[in-house]
Protein backbone atom coordinates (compact mmCIF):
# COMPACT_ATOMS: atom_id res chain seq x y z
CA MET A 1 127.20 113.17 111.03
CA LYS A 2 123.87 112.22 109.84
CA GLN A 3 121.91 109.30 111.28
CA PRO A 4 120.94 106.79 108.52
CA TRP A 5 117.96 105.44 110.59
CA LEU A 6 116.52 108.87 110.95
CA ALA A 7 116.71 109.49 107.16
CA VAL A 8 114.94 106.32 106.50
CA ALA A 9 112.35 107.34 109.19
CA LEU A 10 111.66 110.58 107.67
CA ASN A 11 111.15 108.82 104.35
CA LEU A 12 108.52 106.54 105.66
CA PHE A 13 106.10 109.55 105.58
CA PRO A 14 104.10 108.59 102.40
CA LEU A 15 102.54 111.78 101.64
CA ILE A 16 105.76 113.65 100.96
CA MET A 17 108.23 111.13 99.87
CA GLY A 18 111.78 112.04 100.20
CA LEU A 19 112.01 114.10 103.42
CA GLY A 20 115.05 112.06 104.42
CA TYR A 21 116.75 113.48 101.37
CA ILE A 22 116.15 116.72 102.77
CA TYR A 23 117.75 115.70 106.07
CA ILE A 24 121.02 114.63 104.29
CA ARG A 25 120.99 117.49 101.98
CA LYS A 26 120.34 115.76 98.77
CA TRP A 27 118.19 118.16 97.18
CA GLY A 28 118.33 116.74 93.68
CA ARG A 29 117.26 113.34 94.79
CA PHE A 30 114.42 114.84 96.73
CA ALA A 31 113.29 116.65 93.86
CA ALA A 32 113.30 113.40 91.59
CA VAL A 33 111.52 111.32 94.18
CA PHE A 34 108.79 114.00 95.00
CA GLY A 35 108.54 114.76 91.13
CA LEU A 36 108.02 111.17 90.31
CA GLN A 37 105.41 110.93 93.07
CA LEU A 38 103.52 113.95 91.65
CA THR A 39 103.82 112.85 88.03
CA SER A 40 102.61 109.52 88.77
CA LEU A 41 99.52 110.64 90.71
CA LEU A 42 98.75 112.98 87.78
CA LEU A 43 99.79 110.95 84.79
CA PHE A 44 98.46 107.57 85.76
CA THR A 45 95.28 109.00 86.73
CA ALA A 46 95.00 111.25 83.60
CA ILE A 47 95.58 108.21 81.16
CA GLY A 48 93.42 105.93 83.12
CA LEU A 49 96.17 103.72 84.75
CA ARG A 50 94.85 104.13 88.33
CA ASP A 51 95.40 100.55 89.28
CA LEU A 52 99.21 100.84 88.56
CA ASN A 53 99.60 104.06 90.37
CA PRO A 54 99.62 102.43 93.88
CA VAL A 55 102.13 99.70 92.70
CA PHE A 56 104.43 102.16 91.29
CA LEU A 57 104.30 104.64 94.46
CA VAL A 58 105.01 101.48 96.73
CA LEU A 59 107.91 100.60 94.71
CA LEU A 60 109.28 104.20 94.59
CA TRP A 61 108.60 104.43 98.33
CA ALA A 62 110.42 101.22 99.19
CA PHE A 63 113.28 102.02 96.89
CA SER A 64 113.65 105.40 98.54
CA TRP A 65 114.22 103.93 101.96
CA PHE A 66 117.15 101.80 100.83
CA ASP A 67 118.46 104.55 98.70
CA VAL A 68 118.35 107.30 101.49
CA TYR A 69 120.00 104.88 104.01
CA ASN A 70 122.83 104.28 101.34
CA GLN A 71 123.09 108.09 100.84
CA ALA A 72 123.49 109.02 104.56
CA LYS A 73 126.06 106.53 104.97
CA SER A 74 127.97 107.91 102.08
CA TYR A 75 127.31 111.43 103.38
CA ASN A 76 128.87 110.43 106.62
CA SER A 77 131.86 108.76 104.92
CA GLN A 78 132.53 111.77 102.75
CA THR A 79 132.17 113.92 105.96
CA THR A 80 134.67 111.84 107.66
CA GLN A 81 137.23 111.86 105.00
CA GLU A 82 137.09 115.74 104.71
CA ARG A 83 138.11 116.02 108.15
């Protein structure tokens, strides 16, 4: 069983978004969130949209809290059904 609150707490670390996904073994979601973080940092800076970068990152960060919580609950329900 995975603790949803711990997954959210791990996702609160802003420098590497998505650590909670690693905790619940959702590697694809971690790669997607981390990839979006890196892409936004590089792309928005390269094309001159530095003002939008913090807005996008905060929205992505907040979305990941809710998503990792729901994914952890889903993980637990799947684990319980398999037993």
